[in-house]
C-alpha atoms as a PDB file:
ATOM      1  CA  MET A   1     111.055   2.162 -52.721  1.00  0.00           C
ATOM      2  CA  ILE A   2     112.953   1.488 -49.722  1.00  0.00           C
ATOM      3  CA  SER A   3     114.661   3.501 -46.907  1.00  0.00           C
ATOM      4  CA  ILE A   4     117.530   1.788 -45.588  1.00  0.00           C
ATOM      5  CA  LEU A   5     118.685   2.410 -42.148  1.00  0.00           C
ATOM      6  CA  ILE A   6     122.146   1.888 -40.742  1.00  0.00           C
ATOM      7  CA  PRO A   7     122.748   3.787 -36.615  1.00  0.00           C
ATOM      8  CA  THR A   8     126.699   3.525 -36.213  1.00  0.00           C
ATOM      9  CA  TYR A   9     128.266   3.538 -33.724  1.00  0.00           C
ATOM     10  CA  ASN A  10     132.104   3.540 -33.617  1.00  0.00           C
ATOM     11  CA  TYR A  11     132.141   1.019 -36.261  1.00  0.00           C
ATOM     12  CA  ASN A  12     133.805   0.308 -39.803  1.00  0.00           C
ATOM     13  CA  ILE A  13     130.574  -0.153 -42.155  1.00  0.00           C
ATOM     14  CA  THR A  14     132.691   0.246 -45.612  1.00  0.00           C
ATOM     15  CA  ALA A  15     132.098  -3.428 -46.292  1.00  0.00           C
ATOM     16  CA  LEU A  16     128.521  -2.875 -45.295  1.00  0.00           C
ATOM     17  CA  LEU A  17     127.961  -0.406 -48.544  1.00  0.00           C
ATOM     18  CA  LYS A  18     129.547  -1.402 -50.417  1.00  0.00           C
ATOM     19  CA  ALA A  19     128.141  -4.600 -50.279  1.00  0.00           C
ATOM     20  CA  LEU A  20     124.898  -2.922 -51.080  1.00  0.00           C
ATOM     21  CA  LYS A  21     126.157  -0.934 -53.934  1.00  0.00           C
ATOM     22  CA  VAL A  22     127.288  -3.729 -56.167  1.00  0.00           C
ATOM     23  CA  GLU A  23     123.276  -5.121 -56.190  1.00  0.00           C
ATOM     24  CA  LEU A  24     122.377  -1.338 -56.003  1.00  0.00           C
ATOM     25  CA  ASP A  25     124.146  -0.963 -58.866  1.00  0.00           C
ATOM     26  CA  VAL A  26     122.460  -3.547 -60.800  1.00  0.00           C
ATOM     27  CA  SER A  27     118.897  -2.862 -59.137  1.00  0.00           C
ATOM     28  CA  LYS A  28     116.326  -1.243 -60.179  1.00  0.00           C
ATOM     29  CA  LEU A  29     114.995  -0.409 -57.264  1.00  0.00           C
ATOM     30  CA  ILE A  30     114.209   2.932 -55.910  1.00  0.00           C
ATOM     31  CA  TYR A  31     116.457   3.976 -52.746  1.00  0.00           C
ATOM     32  CA  GLU A  32     118.037   5.947 -50.010  1.00  0.00           C
ATOM     33  CA  ILE A  33     120.424   4.857 -47.641  1.00  0.00           C
ATOM     34  CA  LEU A  34     120.904   6.722 -44.621  1.00  0.00           C
ATOM     35  CA  CYS A  35     123.532   6.252 -42.219  1.00  0.00           C
ATOM     36  CA  TYR A  36     123.827   7.983 -38.644  1.00  0.00           C
ATOM     37  CA  GLU A  37     126.998   8.154 -36.713  1.00  0.00           C
ATOM     38  CA  ASP A  38     125.663   8.069 -33.336  1.00  0.00           C
ATOM     39  CA  GLY A  39     128.562  10.047 -31.635  1.00  0.00           C
ATOM     40  CA  SER A  40     130.882   7.944 -33.013  1.00  0.00           C
ATOM     41  CA  SER A  41     134.733   8.779 -32.633  1.00  0.00           C
ATOM     42  CA  LYS A  42     136.295   6.222 -34.586  1.00  0.00           C
ATOM     43  CA  TYR A  43     135.815   5.000 -38.505  1.00  0.00           C
ATOM     44  CA  VAL A  44     133.470   8.569 -39.307  1.00  0.00           C
ATOM     45  CA  GLU A  45     135.818   9.472 -41.662  1.00  0.00           C
ATOM     46  CA  GLU A  46     136.080   5.706 -43.560  1.00  0.00           C
ATOM     47  CA  ASN A  47     132.525   5.889 -43.490  1.00  0.00           C
ATOM     48  CA  SER A  48     132.107   9.404 -44.923  1.00  0.00           C
ATOM     49  CA  ALA A  49     133.643   8.781 -47.576  1.00  0.00           C
ATOM     50  CA  ILE A  50     132.281   5.140 -48.872  1.00  0.00           C
ATOM     51  CA  ALA A  51     128.951   6.757 -48.507  1.00  0.00           C
ATOM     52  CA  SER A  52     129.217  10.045 -50.927  1.00  0.00           C
ATOM     53  CA  SER A  53     130.643   6.910 -53.641  1.00  0.00           C
ATOM     54  CA  ILE A  54     126.806   5.416 -53.927  1.00  0.00           C
ATOM     55  CA  LYS A  55     124.234   7.157 -55.436  1.00  0.00           C
ATOM     56  CA  HIS A  56     121.020   8.297 -52.842  1.00  0.00           C
ATOM     57  CA  ALA A  57     123.374   8.307 -49.673  1.00  0.00           C
ATOM     58  CA  GLU A  58     123.703  10.497 -46.860  1.00  0.00           C
ATOM     59  CA  HIS A  59     126.242   9.812 -44.008  1.00  0.00           C
ATOM     60  CA  ILE A  60     124.361  12.238 -40.796  1.00  0.00           C
ATOM     61  CA  ILE A  61     126.338  12.755 -37.939  1.00  0.00           C
ATOM     62  CA  SER A  62     125.446  13.401 -34.550  1.00  0.00           C
ATOM     63  CA  LYS A  63     128.549  14.252 -31.776  1.00  0.00           C
ATOM     64  CA  GLU A  64     125.740  13.319 -28.997  1.00  0.00           C
ATOM     65  CA  ASN A  65     125.213   9.719 -28.274  1.00  0.00           C
ATOM     66  CA  LYS A  66     121.772   9.528 -28.688  1.00  0.00           C
ATOM     67  CA  GLY A  67     121.496   5.751 -27.880  1.00  0.00           C
ATOM     68  CA  ARG A  68     119.445   3.019 -29.931  1.00  0.00           C
ATOM     69  CA  ILE A  69     116.000   4.008 -29.918  1.00  0.00           C
ATOM     70  CA  THR A  70     115.874   7.168 -30.304  1.00  0.00           C
ATOM     71  CA  THR A  71     118.856   7.075 -33.345  1.00  0.00           C
ATOM     72  CA  ARG A  72     116.410   4.604 -35.095  1.00  0.00           C
ATOM     73  CA  GLN A  73     113.748   6.736 -34.449  1.00  0.00           C
ATOM     74  CA  SER A  74     115.385   9.786 -35.925  1.00  0.00           C
ATOM     75  CA  LEU A  75     116.706   7.805 -38.675  1.00  0.00           C
ATOM     76  CA  ALA A  76     112.478   6.544 -39.559  1.00  0.00           C
ATOM     77  CA  ASN A  77     111.547   9.760 -39.332  1.00  0.00           C
ATOM     78  CA  MET A  78     113.994  11.013 -41.727  1.00  0.00           C
ATOM     79  CA  ALA A  79     113.337   8.595 -44.165  1.00  0.00           C
ATOM     80  CA  ARG A  80     111.367   9.550 -47.347  1.00  0.00           C
ATOM     81  CA  TYR A  81     110.413   6.288 -48.000  1.00  0.00           C
ATOM     82  CA  ASP A  82     107.433   4.170 -46.455  1.00  0.00           C
ATOM     83  CA  TRP A  83     109.293   0.684 -46.076  1.00  0.00           C
ATOM     84  CA  LEU A  84     112.487   1.319 -44.115  1.00  0.00           C
ATOM     85  CA  LEU A  85     115.248  -1.380 -43.937  1.00  0.00           C
ATOM     86  CA  PHE A  86     117.132  -1.173 -40.338  1.00  0.00           C
ATOM     87  CA  LEU A  87     120.358  -2.805 -41.029  1.00  0.00           C
ATOM     88  CA  ASP A  88     122.861  -2.814 -37.634  1.00  0.00           C
ATOM     89  CA  ALA A  89     126.626  -1.752 -38.413  1.00  0.00           C
ATOM     90  CA  ASP A  90     128.497  -5.270 -37.813  1.00  0.00           C
ATOM     91  CA  VAL A  91     126.719  -6.587 -40.463  1.00  0.00           C
ATOM     92  CA  ILE A  92     126.764  -7.726 -44.085  1.00  0.00           C
ATOM     93  CA  PRO A  93     124.403  -9.536 -46.561  1.00  0.00           C
ATOM     94  CA  LYS A  94     125.382 -13.042 -46.802  1.00  0.00           C
ATOM     95  CA  ASN A  95     123.861 -13.194 -50.008  1.00  0.00           C
ATOM     96  CA  SER A  96     123.649 -11.077 -53.522  1.00  0.00           C
ATOM     97  CA  SER A  97     120.512 -10.660 -53.626  1.00  0.00           C
ATOM     98  CA  PHE A  98     119.620  -9.372 -50.661  1.00  0.00           C
ATOM     99  CA  LEU A  99     117.825  -6.458 -51.279  1.00  0.00           C
ATOM    100  CA  GLN A 100     115.938  -8.182 -54.312  1.00  0.00           C
ATOM    101  CA  ALA A 101     114.680 -10.545 -51.929  1.00  0.00           C
ATOM    102  CA  TYR A 102     113.381  -8.114 -49.630  1.00  0.00           C
ATOM    103  CA  SER A 103     111.715  -6.135 -52.587  1.00  0.00           C
ATOM    104  CA  LYS A 104     109.273  -9.306 -53.089  1.00  0.00           C
ATOM    105  CA  TYR A 105     107.590  -7.947 -50.127  1.00  0.00           C
ATOM    106  CA  LEU A 106     106.796  -4.275 -50.483  1.00  0.00           C
ATOM    107  CA  ASN A 107     103.270  -5.303 -51.723  1.00  0.00           C
ATOM    108  CA  SER A 108     102.696  -7.960 -49.913  1.00  0.00           C
ATOM    109  CA  ASN A 109     100.304  -7.719 -46.336  1.00  0.00           C
ATOM    110  CA  TYR A 110     102.622  -8.297 -43.732  1.00  0.00           C
ATOM    111  CA  ASP A 111     103.636  -5.035 -41.565  1.00  0.00           C
ATOM    112  CA  THR A 112     107.791  -6.160 -40.899  1.00  0.00           C
ATOM    113  CA  ILE A 113     110.037  -9.007 -42.763  1.00  0.00           C
ATOM    114  CA  TYR A 114     112.676 -10.124 -40.344  1.00  0.00           C
ATOM    115  CA  GLY A 115     115.356 -11.793 -42.614  1.00  0.00           C
ATOM    116  CA  GLY A 116     117.012 -13.438 -40.489  1.00  0.00           C
ATOM    117  CA  TYR A 117     121.220 -13.856 -38.992  1.00  0.00           C
ATOM    118  CA  PHE A 118     124.060 -16.112 -39.614  1.00  0.00           C
ATOM    119  CA  TYR A 119     127.308 -17.125 -37.673  1.00  0.00           C
ATOM    120  CA  ASN A 120     130.790 -18.031 -39.577  1.00  0.00           C
ATOM    121  CA  LEU A 121     131.312 -21.400 -39.383  1.00  0.00           C
ATOM    122  CA  SER A 122     134.830 -21.654 -38.202  1.00  0.00           C
ATOM    123  CA  PRO A 123     134.513 -20.413 -35.280  1.00  0.00           C
ATOM    124  CA  PRO A 124     136.764 -17.559 -34.149  1.00  0.00           C
ATOM    125  CA  GLU A 125     139.551 -16.682 -31.630  1.00  0.00           C
ATOM    126  CA  LYS A 126     138.471 -17.582 -28.073  1.00  0.00           C
ATOM    127  CA  GLN A 127     138.019 -14.076 -26.554  1.00  0.00           C
ATOM    128  CA  PHE A 128     134.882 -14.194 -28.708  1.00  0.00           C
ATOM    129  CA  SER A 129     133.440 -17.868 -28.507  1.00  0.00           C
ATOM    130  CA  LEU A 130     131.036 -17.217 -25.964  1.00  0.00           C
ATOM    131  CA  ARG A 131     128.766 -14.237 -28.244  1.00  0.00           C
ATOM    132  CA  TRP A 132     129.630 -16.720 -31.209  1.00  0.00           C
ATOM    133  CA  HIS A 133     128.428 -19.833 -30.111  1.00  0.00           C
ATOM    134  CA  TYR A 134     124.863 -17.980 -28.561  1.00  0.00           C
ATOM    135  CA  GLY A 135     124.507 -16.734 -32.066  1.00  0.00           C
ATOM    136  CA  LYS A 136     124.939 -20.374 -33.592  1.00  0.00           C
ATOM    137  CA  ASN A 137     122.418 -21.810 -31.231  1.00  0.00           C
ATOM    138  CA  HIS A 138     119.901 -19.167 -30.791  1.00  0.00           C
ATOM    139  CA  GLU A 139     119.753 -16.525 -33.348  1.00  0.00           C
ATOM    140  CA  GLN A 140     120.863 -18.673 -36.652  1.00  0.00           C
ATOM    141  CA  VAL A 141     117.087 -20.374 -37.408  1.00  0.00           C
ATOM    142  CA  GLU A 142     115.486 -21.208 -39.933  1.00  0.00           C
ATOM    143  CA  ALA A 143     112.688 -18.838 -41.019  1.00  0.00           C
ATOM    144  CA  LYS A 144     110.505 -21.822 -40.759  1.00  0.00           C
ATOM    145  CA  LYS A 145     110.686 -22.328 -37.504  1.00  0.00           C
ATOM    146  CA  ARG A 146     110.642 -18.489 -36.767  1.00  0.00           C
ATOM    147  CA  ASN A 147     107.345 -18.180 -38.166  1.00  0.00           C
ATOM    148  CA  LYS A 148     106.013 -21.235 -35.530  1.00  0.00           C
ATOM    149  CA  ASN A 149     106.710 -18.198 -33.060  1.00  0.00           C
ATOM    150  CA  PRO A 150     106.579 -15.277 -34.980  1.00  0.00           C
ATOM    151  CA  TYR A 151     107.528 -12.799 -31.841  1.00  0.00           C
ATOM    152  CA  LYS A 152     109.543 -15.062 -30.009  1.00  0.00           C
ATOM    153  CA  ILE A 153     113.125 -14.732 -32.207  1.00  0.00           C
ATOM    154  CA  ILE A 154     113.049 -10.824 -32.854  1.00  0.00           C
ATOM    155  CA  ILE A 155     116.801  -9.214 -34.026  1.00  0.00           C
ATOM    156  CA  SER A 156     116.356  -5.252 -35.028  1.00  0.00           C
ATOM    157  CA  GLY A 157     119.819  -5.996 -37.130  1.00  0.00           C
ATOM    158  CA  ASN A 158     118.230  -6.769 -40.610  1.00  0.00           C
ATOM    159  CA  PHE A 159     114.384  -6.175 -40.477  1.00  0.00           C
ATOM    160  CA  LEU A 160     112.077  -4.787 -43.197  1.00  0.00           C
ATOM    161  CA  ILE A 161     109.121  -2.757 -41.769  1.00  0.00           C
ATOM    162  CA  LYS A 162     106.411   0.009 -42.519  1.00  0.00           C
ATOM    163  CA  LYS A 163     107.572   3.084 -41.338  1.00  0.00           C
ATOM    164  CA  GLN A 164     104.287   4.206 -39.890  1.00  0.00           C
ATOM    165  CA  ILE A 165     104.139   0.969 -37.700  1.00  0.00           C
ATOM    166  CA  PHE A 166     107.714   1.679 -36.779  1.00  0.00           C
ATOM    167  CA  LEU A 167     107.395   4.833 -35.753  1.00  0.00           C
ATOM    168  CA  GLU A 168     104.206   4.378 -33.127  1.00  0.00           C
ATOM    169  CA  ILE A 169     105.701   1.117 -32.101  1.00  0.00           C
ATOM    170  CA  ASN A 170     109.375   2.229 -31.302  1.00  0.00           C
ATOM    171  CA  SER A 171     107.788   5.418 -29.566  1.00  0.00           C
ATOM    172  CA  GLN A 172     106.143   3.256 -26.815  1.00  0.00           C
ATOM    173  CA  ILE A 173     109.851   1.942 -25.695  1.00  0.00           C
ATOM    174  CA  GLU A 174     110.906   4.198 -23.304  1.00  0.00           C
ATOM    175  CA  ASN A 175     114.099   2.734 -22.056  1.00  0.00           C
ATOM    176  CA  ASP A 176     117.158   2.655 -23.973  1.00  0.00           C
ATOM    177  CA  GLY A 177     119.135  -0.467 -22.263  1.00  0.00           C
ATOM    178  CA  TYR A 178     120.192  -3.457 -23.973  1.00  0.00           C
ATOM    179  CA  GLY A 179     117.632  -5.701 -24.757  1.00  0.00           C
ATOM    180  CA  TYR A 180     115.759  -3.550 -27.311  1.00  0.00           C
ATOM    181  CA  ASP A 181     113.968  -6.558 -28.839  1.00  0.00           C
ATOM    182  CA  ASN A 182     112.495  -7.817 -26.236  1.00  0.00           C
ATOM    183  CA  TYR A 183     110.046  -4.992 -25.687  1.00  0.00           C
ATOM    184  CA  LEU A 184     110.118  -4.723 -29.833  1.00  0.00           C
ATOM    185  CA  GLY A 185     108.478  -8.111 -29.938  1.00  0.00           C
ATOM    186  CA  ALA A 186     106.279  -7.801 -26.736  1.00  0.00           C
ATOM    187  CA  LEU A 187     105.110  -4.547 -28.714  1.00  0.00           C
ATOM    188  CA  MET A 188     103.916  -5.780 -31.997  1.00  0.00           C
ATOM    189  CA  LYS A 189     102.220  -9.113 -30.598  1.00  0.00           C
ATOM    190  CA  LEU A 190     100.387  -6.752 -28.204  1.00  0.00           C
ATOM    191  CA  ASN A 191      99.228  -4.401 -31.408  1.00  0.00           C
ATOM    192  CA  ASN A 192      98.836  -7.491 -33.390  1.00  0.00           C
ATOM    193  CA  ILE A 193     101.619  -6.264 -35.843  1.00  0.00           C
ATOM    194  CA  ASN A 194     101.766  -8.798 -39.049  1.00  0.00           C
ATOM    195  CA  VAL A 195     104.993 -10.291 -38.645  1.00  0.00           C
ATOM    196  CA  PHE A 196     106.463 -12.355 -41.468  1.00  0.00           C
ATOM    197  CA  HIS A 197     110.569 -14.454 -41.032  1.00  0.00           C
ATOM    198  CA  ILE A 198     112.818 -15.140 -44.083  1.00  0.00           C
ATOM    199  CA  ASN A 199     115.637 -16.776 -44.885  1.00  0.00           C
ATOM    200  CA  ASN A 200     117.255 -13.982 -45.773  1.00  0.00           C
ATOM    201  CA  ASN A 201     120.314 -13.275 -43.527  1.00  0.00           C
ATOM    202  CA  VAL A 202     123.187 -10.878 -42.762  1.00  0.00           C
ATOM    203  CA  ILE A 203     126.319 -12.397 -40.705  1.00  0.00           C
ATOM    204  CA  HIS A 204     127.129 -10.969 -37.906  1.00  0.00           C
ATOM    205  CA  ASN A 205     130.806 -10.095 -37.759  1.00  0.00           C
ATOM    206  CA  GLY A 206     130.712  -7.506 -34.982  1.00  0.00           C
ATOM    207  CA  LEU A 207     131.302 -10.251 -31.934  1.00  0.00           C
ATOM    208  CA  ASP A 208     131.281  -9.072 -28.150  1.00  0.00           C
ATOM    209  CA  THR A 209     134.748 -10.223 -26.532  1.00  0.00           C
ATOM    210  CA  ASN A 210     133.489 -12.604 -23.550  1.00  0.00           C
ATOM    211  CA  THR A 211     133.457 -10.367 -21.175  1.00  0.00           C
ATOM    212  CA  VAL A 212     131.659  -7.799 -22.860  1.00  0.00           C
ATOM    213  CA  PHE A 213     128.398 -10.534 -23.614  1.00  0.00           C
ATOM    214  CA  LEU A 214     127.953 -11.424 -20.511  1.00  0.00           C
ATOM    215  CA  ASN A 215     127.877  -8.383 -19.012  1.00  0.00           C
ATOM    216  CA  LYS A 216     125.262  -7.322 -21.971  1.00  0.00           C
ATOM    217  CA  VAL A 217     123.343 -10.579 -21.037  1.00  0.00           C
ATOM    218  CA  GLU A 218     122.918  -9.213 -17.865  1.00  0.00           C
ATOM    219  CA  ARG A 219     121.840  -5.830 -18.488  1.00  0.00           C
ATOM    220  CA  ALA A 220     119.320  -7.720 -21.412  1.00  0.00           C
ATOM    221  CA  VAL A 221     117.878  -9.906 -17.847  1.00  0.00           C
ATOM    222  CA  ASP A 222     117.317  -6.528 -16.541  1.00  0.00           C
ATOM    223  CA  THR A 223     115.366  -5.343 -19.552  1.00  0.00           C
ATOM    224  CA  VAL A 224     113.197  -8.342 -18.828  1.00  0.00           C
ATOM    225  CA  VAL A 225     112.880  -7.534 -15.375  1.00  0.00           C
ATOM    226  CA  GLN A 226     111.562  -4.067 -16.144  1.00  0.00           C
ATOM    227  CA  LEU A 227     109.224  -5.442 -18.983  1.00  0.00           C
ATOM    228  CA  ASN A 228     107.398  -7.875 -16.744  1.00  0.00           C
ATOM    229  CA  GLU A 229     106.847  -4.510 -13.415  1.00  0.00           C
ATOM    230  CA  ASN A 230     106.193  -2.289 -15.905  1.00  0.00           C
ATOM    231  CA  TYR A 231     104.733  -3.011 -18.754  1.00  0.00           C
ATOM    232  CA  ARG A 232     101.968  -5.530 -17.129  1.00  0.00           C
ATOM    233  CA  ASP A 233      99.877  -6.252 -19.994  1.00  0.00           C
ATOM    234  CA  LEU A 234     102.605  -7.299 -22.376  1.00  0.00           C
ATOM    235  CA  THR A 235     102.251 -10.835 -23.005  1.00  0.00           C
ATOM    236  CA  THR A 236     106.364 -11.542 -24.475  1.00  0.00           C
ATOM    237  CA  GLU A 237     107.178 -14.911 -25.695  1.00  0.00           C
ATOM    238  CA  ASN A 238     110.488 -14.514 -23.794  1.00  0.00           C
ATOM    239  CA  THR A 239     111.376 -18.212 -22.836  1.00  0.00           C
ATOM    240  CA  LEU A 240     113.631 -16.890 -19.709  1.00  0.00           C
ATOM    241  CA  LEU A 241     110.813 -15.331 -17.841  1.00  0.00           C
ATOM    242  CA  GLU A 242     108.516 -18.202 -18.865  1.00  0.00           C
ATOM    243  CA  VAL A 243     111.187 -20.475 -16.873  1.00  0.00           C
ATOM    244  CA  TYR A 244     111.278 -18.201 -13.947  1.00  0.00           C
ATOM    245  CA  LYS A 245     107.205 -17.793 -13.723  1.00  0.00           C
ATOM    246  CA  LYS A 246     107.272 -21.719 -13.431  1.00  0.00           C
ATOM    247  CA  THR A 247     110.174 -21.878 -10.801  1.00  0.00           C
ATOM    248  CA  LYS A 248     107.896 -18.988  -8.568  1.00  0.00           C
ATOM    249  CA  SER A 249     105.313 -21.500  -9.048  1.00  0.00           C
ATOM    250  CA  MET A 250     107.358 -23.817  -7.194  1.00  0.00           C
ATOM    251  CA  GLY A 251     108.795 -22.330  -4.737  1.00  0.00           C
ATOM    252  CA  LEU A 252     112.440 -22.366  -5.868  1.00  0.00           C
ATOM    253  CA  SER A 253     113.144 -19.361  -7.498  1.00  0.00           C
ATOM    254  CA  ILE A 254     114.892 -18.468  -4.079  1.00  0.00           C
ATOM    255  CA  PRO A 255     116.665 -21.360  -4.083  1.00  0.00           C
ATOM    256  CA  ILE A 256     117.937 -21.252  -7.115  1.00  0.00           C
ATOM    257  CA  ALA A 257     119.440 -17.680  -6.900  1.00  0.00           C
ATOM    258  CA  TRP A 258     120.863 -18.899  -3.733  1.00  0.00           C
ATOM    259  CA  VAL A 259     122.969 -21.950  -5.878  1.00  0.00           C
ATOM    260  CA  PHE A 260     123.833 -19.212  -7.983  1.00  0.00           C
ATOM    261  CA  ASN A 261     125.342 -16.585  -6.232  1.00  0.00           C
ATOM    262  CA  LEU A 262     127.262 -19.696  -4.364  1.00  0.00           C
ATOM    263  CA  SER A 263     128.638 -20.109  -7.889  1.00  0.00           C
ATOM    264  CA  LYS A 264     128.975 -17.510  -9.571  1.00  0.00           C
ATOM    265  CA  SER A 265     132.447 -17.004  -9.635  1.00  0.00           C
ATOM    266  CA  ALA A 266     132.909 -20.753 -10.951  1.00  0.00           C
ATOM    267  CA  ILE A 267     130.064 -20.187 -13.677  1.00  0.00           C
ATOM    268  CA  LYS A 268     131.459 -16.945 -14.633  1.00  0.00           C
ATOM    269  CA  ARG A 269     135.667 -18.172 -15.097  1.00  0.00           C
ATOM    270  CA  GLN A 270     133.660 -21.133 -17.538  1.00  0.00           C
ATOM    271  CA  LEU A 271     131.523 -19.014 -19.452  1.00  0.00           C
ATOM    272  CA  LEU A 272     134.584 -16.517 -20.614  1.00  0.00           C
ATOM    273  CA  GLY A 273     137.298 -19.646 -20.954  1.00  0.00           C
ATOM    274  CA  ALA A 274     137.289 -21.102 -24.756  1.00  0.00           C
ATOM    275  CA  LYS A 275     134.230 -23.253 -24.613  1.00  0.00           C
ATOM    276  CA  PRO A 276     132.096 -21.943 -22.748  1.00  0.00           C
ATOM    277  CA  ASN A 277     128.966 -24.358 -22.112  1.00  0.00           C
ATOM    278  CA  LEU A 278     125.397 -22.420 -23.360  1.00  0.00           C
ATOM    279  CA  LYS A 279     122.817 -24.985 -20.582  1.00  0.00           C
ATOM    280  CA  LEU A 280     125.304 -22.837 -17.712  1.00  0.00           C
ATOM    281  CA  LEU A 281     124.704 -19.556 -19.674  1.00  0.00           C
ATOM    282  CA  GLN A 282     121.091 -20.390 -19.818  1.00  0.00           C
ATOM    283  CA  PHE A 283     121.727 -21.154 -15.471  1.00  0.00           C
ATOM    284  CA  TYR A 284     123.393 -18.275 -15.284  1.00  0.00           C
ATOM    285  CA  LYS A 285     120.143 -15.694 -16.801  1.00  0.00           C
ATOM    286  CA  LEU A 286     117.772 -17.643 -14.318  1.00  0.00           C
ATOM    287  CA  GLY A 287     119.782 -17.179 -11.609  1.00  0.00           C
ATOM    288  CA  TYR A 288     120.384 -13.663 -12.059  1.00  0.00           C
ATOM    289  CA  LEU A 289     117.085 -13.186 -13.124  1.00  0.00           C
ATOM    290  CA  CYS A 290     115.452 -14.719  -9.758  1.00  0.00           C
ATOM    291  CA  THR A 291     118.456 -12.948  -7.659  1.00  0.00           C
ATOM    292  CA  THR A 292     117.288  -9.802  -8.854  1.00  0.00           C
ATOM    293  CA  MET A 293     113.516 -10.250  -8.664  1.00  0.00           C
ATOM    294  CA  SER A 294     114.162 -11.285  -5.042  1.00  0.00           C
ATOM    295  CA  ASN A 295     116.084  -8.063  -4.345  1.00  0.00           C
ATOM    296  CA  ASN A 296     113.527  -6.087  -5.916  1.00  0.00           C
ATOM    297  CA  ILE A 297     110.439  -7.841  -3.312  1.00  0.00           C
END
């Protein structure tokens, strides 16, 4: 028995629901689907129509945008079953046995199972190139590698979790900013949540433009700063934070911040172009973090 939970904001989930329906129609899985429009102004009618065509599916509309954390908490509270499958609105299962692959773990000793992300092989239009390159290199990772550091690559757009554990963990996250997965992974590690990764990918279709994604990168770094300052008892496996700590211990954080501010405009031009350099993106993140940390002293 499983509750499939899909928080949605201004996104057409017709393709996702159709893909799930194809598998569910021939499956013996006991399920429900809850789609939650979080203050959406677009695609509400289309989403409602497809949801109404699926057994045990409900389309819930909130006129107020409550944000990711609150919406997920609401969905979890509404869910009738003990296992929750969270799917982002902009994904679609890569394989036709997607739900079957997850169902094998419903009687396991694991608390949460992460399926993974996949990106289309063909590069998108140049205005989406930064998000695509980043996803291909940092998010599309085999389960074997992810299981070596199970709290490191936590992508909440495709994961199965026990309801009670999600409610307890998610309720501890106070900030609704971008970078939610950094909090989630750290809290799971702190609470010794039994995490397991499998190769049960979804294709991530909803790519941000280069400009939007770079803005989100900055917001994610802001979240790392808050995590470091406000939750000292949390230990993360965030590579960026570990690199920052090393540079600071060597007395290099201030010089890096200085170089970053001097070259920020040129780096942004490169990253927003057709062939973004991911090493430059990593430096951008480190430089932004060093600058933010130094401003908070």
